[in-house]
Amino acid sequence: MKFFVIGDEDTVLGFRLVGVHGRVVKTPLESRQALKVATSTPDVGIIIITERIAQHIREDVDKYIYETTIPLVIEIPDRQGPLPERKTIPELIREAVGIKV
């Protein structure tokens, strides 16, 4: 099972340095095309996409998050940091488990 990253140039370059293939995108059309390539590649099991890119194609991303189990789609912050309206991982854990991490 392989990883595939979709994001800005810095994010994709960082992942390439550790051997993860991906695609740099700048427009919603490029983002949709990259997501289609990633989801149609049989050995890709985890797709990593930056939050800002995912916001541009929210409907497409949500389809894979909520309707499929493979590939797993994970949203991460880019170099600018997390989006203001997004909850942090500790906040999500606190809500789910009820304890502060």
PDB file of N, CA and C in Angstrom:
ATOM      1  N   MET A   1       0.845  -1.171   0.000  1.00  0.00           N
ATOM      2  CA  MET A   1       0.000   0.000   0.000  1.00  0.00           C
ATOM      3  C   MET A   1       0.891   1.236   0.000  1.00  0.00           C
ATOM      4  N   LYS A   2       0.613   2.155  -0.925  1.00  0.00           N
ATOM      5  CA  LYS A   2       1.431   3.355  -1.063  1.00  0.00           C
ATOM      6  C   LYS A   2       0.661   4.604  -0.644  1.00  0.00           C
ATOM      7  N   PHE A   3       1.440   5.647  -0.360  1.00  0.00           N
ATOM      8  CA  PHE A   3       0.903   6.964  -0.064  1.00  0.00           C
ATOM      9  C   PHE A   3       0.946   7.813  -1.326  1.00  0.00           C
ATOM     10  N   PHE A   4       0.072   8.815  -1.379  1.00  0.00           N
ATOM     11  CA  PHE A   4       0.078   9.791  -2.468  1.00  0.00           C
ATOM     12  C   PHE A   4      -0.286  11.123  -1.844  1.00  0.00           C
ATOM     13  N   VAL A   5       0.476  12.174  -2.136  1.00  0.00           N
ATOM     14  CA  VAL A   5       0.214  13.485  -1.547  1.00  0.00           C
ATOM     15  C   VAL A   5      -0.230  14.467  -2.616  1.00  0.00           C
ATOM     16  N   ILE A   6      -1.221  15.289  -2.246  1.00  0.00           N
ATOM     17  CA  ILE A   6      -1.734  16.337  -3.121  1.00  0.00           C
ATOM     18  C   ILE A   6      -1.638  17.638  -2.344  1.00  0.00           C
ATOM     19  N   GLY A   7      -0.931  18.609  -2.910  1.00  0.00           N
ATOM     20  CA  GLY A   7      -0.793  19.856  -2.173  1.00  0.00           C
ATOM     21  C   GLY A   7       0.030  20.890  -2.896  1.00  0.00           C
ATOM     22  N   ASP A   8       0.474  21.875  -2.114  1.00  0.00           N
ATOM     23  CA  ASP A   8       1.315  22.937  -2.654  1.00  0.00           C
ATOM     24  C   ASP A   8       2.725  22.394  -2.885  1.00  0.00           C
ATOM     25  N   GLU A   9       3.549  23.190  -3.521  1.00  0.00           N
ATOM     26  CA  GLU A   9       4.887  22.750  -3.903  1.00  0.00           C
ATOM     27  C   GLU A   9       5.743  22.339  -2.699  1.00  0.00           C
ATOM     28  N   ASP A  10       5.691  23.106  -1.620  1.00  0.00           N
ATOM     29  CA  ASP A  10       6.499  22.786  -0.439  1.00  0.00           C
ATOM     30  C   ASP A  10       6.084  21.468   0.199  1.00  0.00           C
ATOM     31  N   THR A  11       4.794  21.242   0.312  1.00  0.00           N
ATOM     32  CA  THR A  11       4.297  20.014   0.933  1.00  0.00           C
ATOM     33  C   THR A  11       4.680  18.793   0.105  1.00  0.00           C
ATOM     34  N   VAL A  12       4.445  18.866  -1.184  1.00  0.00           N
ATOM     35  CA  VAL A  12       4.755  17.731  -2.056  1.00  0.00           C
ATOM     36  C   VAL A  12       6.257  17.465  -2.074  1.00  0.00           C
ATOM     37  N   LEU A  13       7.061  18.523  -2.130  1.00  0.00           N
ATOM     38  CA  LEU A  13       8.507  18.350  -2.109  1.00  0.00           C
ATOM     39  C   LEU A  13       8.957  17.676  -0.810  1.00  0.00           C
ATOM     40  N   GLY A  14       8.414  18.111   0.316  1.00  0.00           N
ATOM     41  CA  GLY A  14       8.762  17.501   1.600  1.00  0.00           C
ATOM     42  C   GLY A  14       8.465  16.011   1.630  1.00  0.00           C
ATOM     43  N   PHE A  15       7.317  15.623   1.127  1.00  0.00           N
ATOM     44  CA  PHE A  15       6.970  14.206   1.097  1.00  0.00           C
ATOM     45  C   PHE A  15       7.822  13.433   0.094  1.00  0.00           C
ATOM     46  N   ARG A  16       8.194  14.079  -1.020  1.00  0.00           N
ATOM     47  CA  ARG A  16       9.071  13.405  -1.989  1.00  0.00           C
ATOM     48  C   ARG A  16      10.415  13.050  -1.374  1.00  0.00           C
ATOM     49  N   LEU A  17      10.879  13.891  -0.461  1.00  0.00           N
ATOM     50  CA  LEU A  17      12.172  13.638   0.184  1.00  0.00           C
ATOM     51  C   LEU A  17      12.167  12.350   1.004  1.00  0.00           C
ATOM     52  N   VAL A  18      10.982  11.893   1.409  1.00  0.00           N
ATOM     53  CA  VAL A  18      10.893  10.627   2.152  1.00  0.00           C
ATOM     54  C   VAL A  18      10.295   9.514   1.295  1.00  0.00           C
ATOM     55  N   GLY A  19      10.228   9.750  -0.013  1.00  0.00           N
ATOM     56  CA  GLY A  19       9.826   8.691  -0.930  1.00  0.00           C
ATOM     57  C   GLY A  19       8.361   8.601  -1.260  1.00  0.00           C
ATOM     58  N   VAL A  20       7.574   9.618  -0.910  1.00  0.00           N
ATOM     59  CA  VAL A  20       6.137   9.604  -1.208  1.00  0.00           C
ATOM     60  C   VAL A  20       5.894  10.382  -2.496  1.00  0.00           C
ATOM     61  N   HIS A  21       5.236   9.743  -3.446  1.00  0.00           N
ATOM     62  CA  HIS A  21       4.891  10.399  -4.699  1.00  0.00           C
ATOM     63  C   HIS A  21       3.689  11.308  -4.487  1.00  0.00           C
ATOM     64  N   GLY A  22       3.566  12.287  -5.365  1.00  0.00           N
ATOM     65  CA  GLY A  22       2.439  13.198  -5.246  1.00  0.00           C
ATOM     66  C   GLY A  22       2.346  14.133  -6.416  1.00  0.00           C
ATOM     67  N   ARG A  23       1.447  15.085  -6.274  1.00  0.00           N
ATOM     68  CA  ARG A  23       1.231  16.042  -7.350  1.00  0.00           C
ATOM     69  C   ARG A  23       1.022  17.433  -6.767  1.00  0.00           C
ATOM     70  N   VAL A  24       1.735  18.395  -7.340  1.00  0.00           N
ATOM     71  CA  VAL A  24       1.558  19.800  -6.975  1.00  0.00           C
ATOM     72  C   VAL A  24       0.348  20.324  -7.736  1.00  0.00           C
ATOM     73  N   VAL A  25      -0.557  20.988  -7.014  1.00  0.00           N
ATOM     74  CA  VAL A  25      -1.755  21.541  -7.644  1.00  0.00           C
ATOM     75  C   VAL A  25      -1.924  22.998  -7.226  1.00  0.00           C
ATOM     76  N   LYS A  26      -2.558  23.767  -8.113  1.00  0.00           N
ATOM     77  CA  LYS A  26      -2.786  25.182  -7.831  1.00  0.00           C
ATOM     78  C   LYS A  26      -4.228  25.602  -8.056  1.00  0.00           C
ATOM     79  N   THR A  27      -4.970  24.812  -8.812  1.00  0.00           N
ATOM     80  CA  THR A  27      -6.355  25.178  -9.121  1.00  0.00           C
ATOM     81  C   THR A  27      -7.295  24.046  -8.709  1.00  0.00           C
ATOM     82  N   PRO A  28      -8.580  24.351  -8.548  1.00  0.00           N
ATOM     83  CA  PRO A  28      -9.532  23.279  -8.251  1.00  0.00           C
ATOM     84  C   PRO A  28      -9.550  22.186  -9.318  1.00  0.00           C
ATOM     85  N   LEU A  29      -9.395  22.560 -10.596  1.00  0.00           N
ATOM     86  CA  LEU A  29      -9.388  21.567 -11.664  1.00  0.00           C
ATOM     87  C   LEU A  29      -8.191  20.628 -11.518  1.00  0.00           C
ATOM     88  N   GLU A  30      -7.009  21.187 -11.267  1.00  0.00           N
ATOM     89  CA  GLU A  30      -5.820  20.350 -11.050  1.00  0.00           C
ATOM     90  C   GLU A  30      -6.003  19.463  -9.820  1.00  0.00           C
ATOM     91  N   SER A  31      -6.650  19.986  -8.793  1.00  0.00           N
ATOM     92  CA  SER A  31      -6.886  19.220  -7.566  1.00  0.00           C
ATOM     93  C   SER A  31      -7.799  18.038  -7.822  1.00  0.00           C
ATOM     94  N   ARG A  32      -8.870  18.270  -8.558  1.00  0.00           N
ATOM     95  CA  ARG A  32      -9.793  17.179  -8.908  1.00  0.00           C
ATOM     96  C   ARG A  32      -9.099  16.105  -9.746  1.00  0.00           C
ATOM     97  N   GLN A  33      -8.295  16.545 -10.704  1.00  0.00           N
ATOM     98  CA  GLN A  33      -7.575  15.595 -11.560  1.00  0.00           C
ATOM     99  C   GLN A  33      -6.590  14.768 -10.736  1.00  0.00           C
ATOM    100  N   ALA A  34      -5.876  15.415  -9.823  1.00  0.00           N
ATOM    101  CA  ALA A  34      -4.912  14.697  -8.983  1.00  0.00           C
ATOM    102  C   ALA A  34      -5.624  13.697  -8.081  1.00  0.00           C
ATOM    103  N   LEU A  35      -6.766  14.085  -7.521  1.00  0.00           N
ATOM    104  CA  LEU A  35      -7.537  13.170  -6.675  1.00  0.00           C
ATOM    105  C   LEU A  35      -8.041  11.986  -7.489  1.00  0.00           C
ATOM    106  N   LYS A  36      -8.460  12.243  -8.713  1.00  0.00           N
ATOM    107  CA  LYS A  36      -8.924  11.159  -9.580  1.00  0.00           C
ATOM    108  C   LYS A  36      -7.791  10.187  -9.894  1.00  0.00           C
ATOM    109  N   VAL A  37      -6.610  10.710 -10.183  1.00  0.00           N
ATOM    110  CA  VAL A  37      -5.449   9.854 -10.450  1.00  0.00           C
ATOM    111  C   VAL A  37      -5.124   9.019  -9.218  1.00  0.00           C
ATOM    112  N   ALA A  38      -5.097   9.662  -8.065  1.00  0.00           N
ATOM    113  CA  ALA A  38      -4.744   8.960  -6.828  1.00  0.00           C
ATOM    114  C   ALA A  38      -5.753   7.872  -6.487  1.00  0.00           C
ATOM    115  N   THR A  39      -7.035   8.147  -6.653  1.00  0.00           N
ATOM    116  CA  THR A  39      -8.058   7.163  -6.289  1.00  0.00           C
ATOM    117  C   THR A  39      -8.175   6.039  -7.309  1.00  0.00           C
ATOM    118  N   SER A  40      -7.688   6.268  -8.509  1.00  0.00           N
ATOM    119  CA  SER A  40      -7.768   5.211  -9.519  1.00  0.00           C
ATOM    120  C   SER A  40      -6.490   4.379  -9.616  1.00  0.00           C
ATOM    121  N   THR A  41      -5.481   4.743  -8.848  1.00  0.00           N
ATOM    122  CA  THR A  41      -4.248   3.961  -8.821  1.00  0.00           C
ATOM    123  C   THR A  41      -4.414   2.837  -7.808  1.00  0.00           C
ATOM    124  N   PRO A  42      -4.358   1.581  -8.260  1.00  0.00           N
ATOM    125  CA  PRO A  42      -4.698   0.449  -7.386  1.00  0.00           C
ATOM    126  C   PRO A  42      -3.859   0.301  -6.122  1.00  0.00           C
ATOM    127  N   ASP A  43      -2.573   0.653  -6.167  1.00  0.00           N
ATOM    128  CA  ASP A  43      -1.752   0.433  -4.979  1.00  0.00           C
ATOM    129  C   ASP A  43      -1.700   1.621  -4.021  1.00  0.00           C
ATOM    130  N   VAL A  44      -2.435   2.709  -4.302  1.00  0.00           N
ATOM    131  CA  VAL A  44      -2.504   3.841  -3.381  1.00  0.00           C
ATOM    132  C   VAL A  44      -3.564   3.544  -2.330  1.00  0.00           C
ATOM    133  N   GLY A  45      -3.128   3.493  -1.090  1.00  0.00           N
ATOM    134  CA  GLY A  45      -4.048   3.197   0.004  1.00  0.00           C
ATOM    135  C   GLY A  45      -4.339   4.384   0.893  1.00  0.00           C
ATOM    136  N   ILE A  46      -3.428   5.378   0.872  1.00  0.00           N
ATOM    137  CA  ILE A  46      -3.609   6.562   1.702  1.00  0.00           C
ATOM    138  C   ILE A  46      -3.286   7.791   0.866  1.00  0.00           C
ATOM    139  N   ILE A  47      -4.246   8.712   0.816  1.00  0.00           N
ATOM    140  CA  ILE A  47      -4.069   9.971   0.103  1.00  0.00           C
ATOM    141  C   ILE A  47      -3.956  11.068   1.147  1.00  0.00           C
ATOM    142  N   ILE A  48      -2.879  11.820   1.077  1.00  0.00           N
ATOM    143  CA  ILE A  48      -2.660  12.951   1.973  1.00  0.00           C
ATOM    144  C   ILE A  48      -2.910  14.207   1.158  1.00  0.00           C
ATOM    145  N   ILE A  49      -3.811  15.062   1.646  1.00  0.00           N
ATOM    146  CA  ILE A  49      -4.146  16.290   0.930  1.00  0.00           C
ATOM    147  C   ILE A  49      -4.126  17.446   1.916  1.00  0.00           C
ATOM    148  N   THR A  50      -3.605  18.588   1.493  1.00  0.00           N
ATOM    149  CA  THR A  50      -3.574  19.731   2.395  1.00  0.00           C
ATOM    150  C   THR A  50      -4.983  20.282   2.583  1.00  0.00           C
ATOM    151  N   GLU A  51      -5.216  20.866   3.749  1.00  0.00           N
ATOM    152  CA  GLU A  51      -6.546  21.385   4.076  1.00  0.00           C
ATOM    153  C   GLU A  51      -7.000  22.444   3.090  1.00  0.00           C
ATOM    154  N   ARG A  52      -6.106  23.330   2.700  1.00  0.00           N
ATOM    155  CA  ARG A  52      -6.485  24.402   1.777  1.00  0.00           C
ATOM    156  C   ARG A  52      -6.873  23.854   0.404  1.00  0.00           C
ATOM    157  N   ILE A  53      -6.165  22.856  -0.061  1.00  0.00           N
ATOM    158  CA  ILE A  53      -6.514  22.237  -1.344  1.00  0.00           C
ATOM    159  C   ILE A  53      -7.852  21.505  -1.203  1.00  0.00           C
ATOM    160  N   ALA A  54      -8.022  20.797  -0.104  1.00  0.00           N
ATOM    161  CA  ALA A  54      -9.268  20.056   0.117  1.00  0.00           C
ATOM    162  C   ALA A  54     -10.474  20.990   0.159  1.00  0.00           C
ATOM    163  N   GLN A  55     -10.291  22.204   0.686  1.00  0.00           N
ATOM    164  CA  GLN A  55     -11.404  23.161   0.743  1.00  0.00           C
ATOM    165  C   GLN A  55     -11.900  23.511  -0.655  1.00  0.00           C
ATOM    166  N   HIS A  56     -11.002  23.530  -1.632  1.00  0.00           N
ATOM    167  CA  HIS A  56     -11.394  23.877  -3.003  1.00  0.00           C
ATOM    168  C   HIS A  56     -12.242  22.790  -3.660  1.00  0.00           C
ATOM    169  N   ILE A  57     -12.077  21.564  -3.199  1.00  0.00           N
ATOM    170  CA  ILE A  57     -12.827  20.447  -3.800  1.00  0.00           C
ATOM    171  C   ILE A  57     -13.520  19.641  -2.692  1.00  0.00           C
ATOM    172  N   ARG A  58     -14.098  20.343  -1.736  1.00  0.00           N
ATOM    173  CA  ARG A  58     -14.687  19.738  -0.543  1.00  0.00           C
ATOM    174  C   ARG A  58     -15.649  18.599  -0.869  1.00  0.00           C
ATOM    175  N   GLU A  59     -16.512  18.782  -1.846  1.00  0.00           N
ATOM    176  CA  GLU A  59     -17.495  17.742  -2.183  1.00  0.00           C
ATOM    177  C   GLU A  59     -16.806  16.443  -2.619  1.00  0.00           C
ATOM    178  N   ASP A  60     -15.772  16.561  -3.440  1.00  0.00           N
ATOM    179  CA  ASP A  60     -15.038  15.381  -3.904  1.00  0.00           C
ATOM    180  C   ASP A  60     -14.309  14.688  -2.758  1.00  0.00           C
ATOM    181  N   VAL A  61     -13.659  15.469  -1.915  1.00  0.00           N
ATOM    182  CA  VAL A  61     -12.913  14.913  -0.785  1.00  0.00           C
ATOM    183  C   VAL A  61     -13.865  14.210   0.178  1.00  0.00           C
ATOM    184  N   ASP A  62     -14.967  14.861   0.509  1.00  0.00           N
ATOM    185  CA  ASP A  62     -15.940  14.258   1.433  1.00  0.00           C
ATOM    186  C   ASP A  62     -16.502  12.952   0.894  1.00  0.00           C
ATOM    187  N   LYS A  63     -16.657  12.858  -0.414  1.00  0.00           N
ATOM    188  CA  LYS A  63     -17.143  11.613  -1.020  1.00  0.00           C
ATOM    189  C   LYS A  63     -16.229  10.452  -0.642  1.00  0.00           C
ATOM    190  N   TYR A  64     -14.931  10.659  -0.742  1.00  0.00           N
ATOM    191  CA  TYR A  64     -13.998   9.578  -0.414  1.00  0.00           C
ATOM    192  C   TYR A  64     -13.859   9.374   1.089  1.00  0.00           C
ATOM    193  N   ILE A  65     -13.961  10.446   1.859  1.00  0.00           N
ATOM    194  CA  ILE A  65     -13.848  10.306   3.315  1.00  0.00           C
ATOM    195  C   ILE A  65     -15.028   9.528   3.881  1.00  0.00           C
ATOM    196  N   TYR A  66     -16.229   9.839   3.428  1.00  0.00           N
ATOM    197  CA  TYR A  66     -17.438   9.272   4.033  1.00  0.00           C
ATOM    198  C   TYR A  66     -18.016   8.057   3.317  1.00  0.00           C
ATOM    199  N   GLU A  67     -17.630   7.831   2.072  1.00  0.00           N
ATOM    200  CA  GLU A  67     -18.259   6.754   1.315  1.00  0.00           C
ATOM    201  C   GLU A  67     -17.341   5.577   0.993  1.00  0.00           C
ATOM    202  N   THR A  68     -16.046   5.726   1.214  1.00  0.00           N
ATOM    203  CA  THR A  68     -15.138   4.620   0.897  1.00  0.00           C
ATOM    204  C   THR A  68     -14.193   4.359   2.068  1.00  0.00           C
ATOM    205  N   THR A  69     -13.670   3.166   2.112  1.00  0.00           N
ATOM    206  CA  THR A  69     -12.683   2.856   3.140  1.00  0.00           C
ATOM    207  C   THR A  69     -11.269   2.867   2.575  1.00  0.00           C
ATOM    208  N   ILE A  70     -11.143   2.555   1.307  1.00  0.00           N
ATOM    209  CA  ILE A  70      -9.842   2.601   0.640  1.00  0.00           C
ATOM    210  C   ILE A  70     -10.022   3.343  -0.672  1.00  0.00           C
ATOM    211  N   PRO A  71      -9.259   4.339  -0.937  1.00  0.00           N
ATOM    212  CA  PRO A  71      -8.150   4.841  -0.148  1.00  0.00           C
ATOM    213  C   PRO A  71      -8.632   5.705   1.025  1.00  0.00           C
ATOM    214  N   LEU A  72      -7.828   5.731   2.055  1.00  0.00           N
ATOM    215  CA  LEU A  72      -8.069   6.595   3.200  1.00  0.00           C
ATOM    216  C   LEU A  72      -7.577   7.984   2.827  1.00  0.00           C
ATOM    217  N   VAL A  73      -8.407   9.004   3.041  1.00  0.00           N
ATOM    218  CA  VAL A  73      -8.028  10.379   2.720  1.00  0.00           C
ATOM    219  C   VAL A  73      -7.779  11.120   4.031  1.00  0.00           C
ATOM    220  N   ILE A  74      -6.580  11.686   4.145  1.00  0.00           N
ATOM    221  CA  ILE A  74      -6.181  12.407   5.346  1.00  0.00           C
ATOM    222  C   ILE A  74      -5.863  13.844   4.968  1.00  0.00           C
ATOM    223  N   GLU A  75      -6.463  14.783   5.699  1.00  0.00           N
ATOM    224  CA  GLU A  75      -6.175  16.191   5.471  1.00  0.00           C
ATOM    225  C   GLU A  75      -5.149  16.666   6.487  1.00  0.00           C
ATOM    226  N   ILE A  76      -4.152  17.406   5.990  1.00  0.00           N
ATOM    227  CA  ILE A  76      -3.112  17.939   6.864  1.00  0.00           C
ATOM    228  C   ILE A  76      -2.957  19.444   6.617  1.00  0.00           C
ATOM    229  N   PRO A  77      -2.461  20.176   7.605  1.00  0.00           N
ATOM    230  CA  PRO A  77      -2.174  21.599   7.369  1.00  0.00           C
ATOM    231  C   PRO A  77      -1.005  21.740   6.401  1.00  0.00           C
ATOM    232  N   ASP A  78      -0.959  22.859   5.699  1.00  0.00           N
ATOM    233  CA  ASP A  78       0.191  23.134   4.845  1.00  0.00           C
ATOM    234  C   ASP A  78       1.171  24.009   5.611  1.00  0.00           C
ATOM    235  N   ARG A  79       2.143  24.601   4.926  1.00  0.00           N
ATOM    236  CA  ARG A  79       3.178  25.378   5.608  1.00  0.00           C
ATOM    237  C   ARG A  79       2.636  26.642   6.273  1.00  0.00           C
ATOM    238  N   GLN A  80       1.434  27.058   5.908  1.00  0.00           N
ATOM    239  CA  GLN A  80       0.817  28.239   6.519  1.00  0.00           C
ATOM    240  C   GLN A  80       0.118  27.898   7.830  1.00  0.00           C
ATOM    241  N   GLY A  81       0.040  26.624   8.149  1.00  0.00           N
ATOM    242  CA  GLY A  81      -0.604  26.198   9.384  1.00  0.00           C
ATOM    243  C   GLY A  81      -2.036  25.766   9.154  1.00  0.00           C
ATOM    244  N   PRO A  82      -2.700  25.303  10.223  1.00  0.00           N
ATOM    245  CA  PRO A  82      -4.075  24.821  10.073  1.00  0.00           C
ATOM    246  C   PRO A  82      -5.047  25.953   9.758  1.00  0.00           C
ATOM    247  N   LEU A  83      -6.125  25.608   9.087  1.00  0.00           N
ATOM    248  CA  LEU A  83      -7.176  26.586   8.824  1.00  0.00           C
ATOM    249  C   LEU A  83      -7.833  26.969  10.148  1.00  0.00           C
ATOM    250  N   PRO A  84      -8.241  28.211  10.289  1.00  0.00           N
ATOM    251  CA  PRO A  84      -8.799  28.669  11.569  1.00  0.00           C
ATOM    252  C   PRO A  84     -10.033  27.887  12.037  1.00  0.00           C
ATOM    253  N   GLU A  85     -10.871  27.478  11.118  1.00  0.00           N
ATOM    254  CA  GLU A  85     -12.112  26.785  11.508  1.00  0.00           C
ATOM    255  C   GLU A  85     -11.923  25.294  11.768  1.00  0.00           C
ATOM    256  N   ARG A  86     -10.729  24.770  11.500  1.00  0.00           N
ATOM    257  CA  ARG A  86     -10.465  23.341  11.702  1.00  0.00           C
ATOM    258  C   ARG A  86     -10.056  23.068  13.135  1.00  0.00           C
ATOM    259  N   LYS A  87     -10.527  21.968  13.678  1.00  0.00           N
ATOM    260  CA  LYS A  87     -10.143  21.555  15.021  1.00  0.00           C
ATOM    261  C   LYS A  87      -8.786  20.876  14.971  1.00  0.00           C
ATOM    262  N   THR A  88      -8.022  21.059  16.036  1.00  0.00           N
ATOM    263  CA  THR A  88      -6.719  20.411  16.120  1.00  0.00           C
ATOM    264  C   THR A  88      -6.895  18.953  16.536  1.00  0.00           C
ATOM    265  N   ILE A  89      -5.854  18.161  16.360  1.00  0.00           N
ATOM    266  CA  ILE A  89      -5.922  16.750  16.750  1.00  0.00           C
ATOM    267  C   ILE A  89      -6.210  16.602  18.245  1.00  0.00           C
ATOM    268  N   PRO A  90      -5.537  17.355  19.128  1.00  0.00           N
ATOM    269  CA  PRO A  90      -5.884  17.233  20.552  1.00  0.00           C
ATOM    270  C   PRO A  90      -7.346  17.583  20.856  1.00  0.00           C
ATOM    271  N   GLU A  91      -7.902  18.562  20.150  1.00  0.00           N
ATOM    272  CA  GLU A  91      -9.311  18.913  20.346  1.00  0.00           C
ATOM    273  C   GLU A  91     -10.224  17.765  19.923  1.00  0.00           C
ATOM    274  N   LEU A  92      -9.908  17.136  18.794  1.00  0.00           N
ATOM    275  CA  LEU A  92     -10.718  16.004  18.341  1.00  0.00           C
ATOM    276  C   LEU A  92     -10.652  14.848  19.327  1.00  0.00           C
ATOM    277  N   ILE A  93      -9.461  14.577  19.848  1.00  0.00           N
ATOM    278  CA  ILE A  93      -9.311  13.498  20.829  1.00  0.00           C
ATOM    279  C   ILE A  93     -10.089  13.829  22.096  1.00  0.00           C
ATOM    280  N   ARG A  94      -9.992  15.065  22.553  1.00  0.00           N
ATOM    281  CA  ARG A  94     -10.711  15.482  23.761  1.00  0.00           C
ATOM    282  C   ARG A  94     -12.215  15.300  23.592  1.00  0.00           C
ATOM    283  N   GLU A  95     -12.742  15.639  22.424  1.00  0.00           N
ATOM    284  CA  GLU A  95     -14.172  15.463  22.171  1.00  0.00           C
ATOM    285  C   GLU A  95     -14.557  13.992  22.094  1.00  0.00           C
ATOM    286  N   ALA A  96     -13.713  13.191  21.463  1.00  0.00           N
ATOM    287  CA  ALA A  96     -14.038  11.777  21.266  1.00  0.00           C
ATOM    288  C   ALA A  96     -13.881  10.957  22.543  1.00  0.00           C
ATOM    289  N   VAL A  97     -12.823  11.227  23.302  1.00  0.00           N
ATOM    290  CA  VAL A  97     -12.498  10.391  24.455  1.00  0.00           C
ATOM    291  C   VAL A  97     -12.879  11.066  25.763  1.00  0.00           C
ATOM    292  N   GLY A  98     -12.856  12.378  25.782  1.00  0.00           N
ATOM    293  CA  GLY A  98     -13.216  13.087  26.993  1.00  0.00           C
ATOM    294  C   GLY A  98     -12.051  13.405  27.907  1.00  0.00           C
ATOM    295  N   ILE A  99     -10.821  13.224  27.417  1.00  0.00           N
ATOM    296  CA  ILE A  99      -9.661  13.566  28.230  1.00  0.00           C
ATOM    297  C   ILE A  99      -8.724  14.464  27.438  1.00  0.00           C
ATOM    298  N   LYS A 100      -7.977  15.268  28.173  1.00  0.00           N
ATOM    299  CA  LYS A 100      -7.033  16.177  27.534  1.00  0.00           C
ATOM    300  C   LYS A 100      -5.716  15.456  27.288  1.00  0.00           C
ATOM    301  N   VAL A 101      -5.209  15.575  26.077  1.00  0.00           N
ATOM    302  CA  VAL A 101      -3.953  14.924  25.721  1.00  0.00           C
ATOM    303  C   VAL A 101      -2.839  15.946  25.719  1.00  0.00           C
TER     304      VAL A 101
END
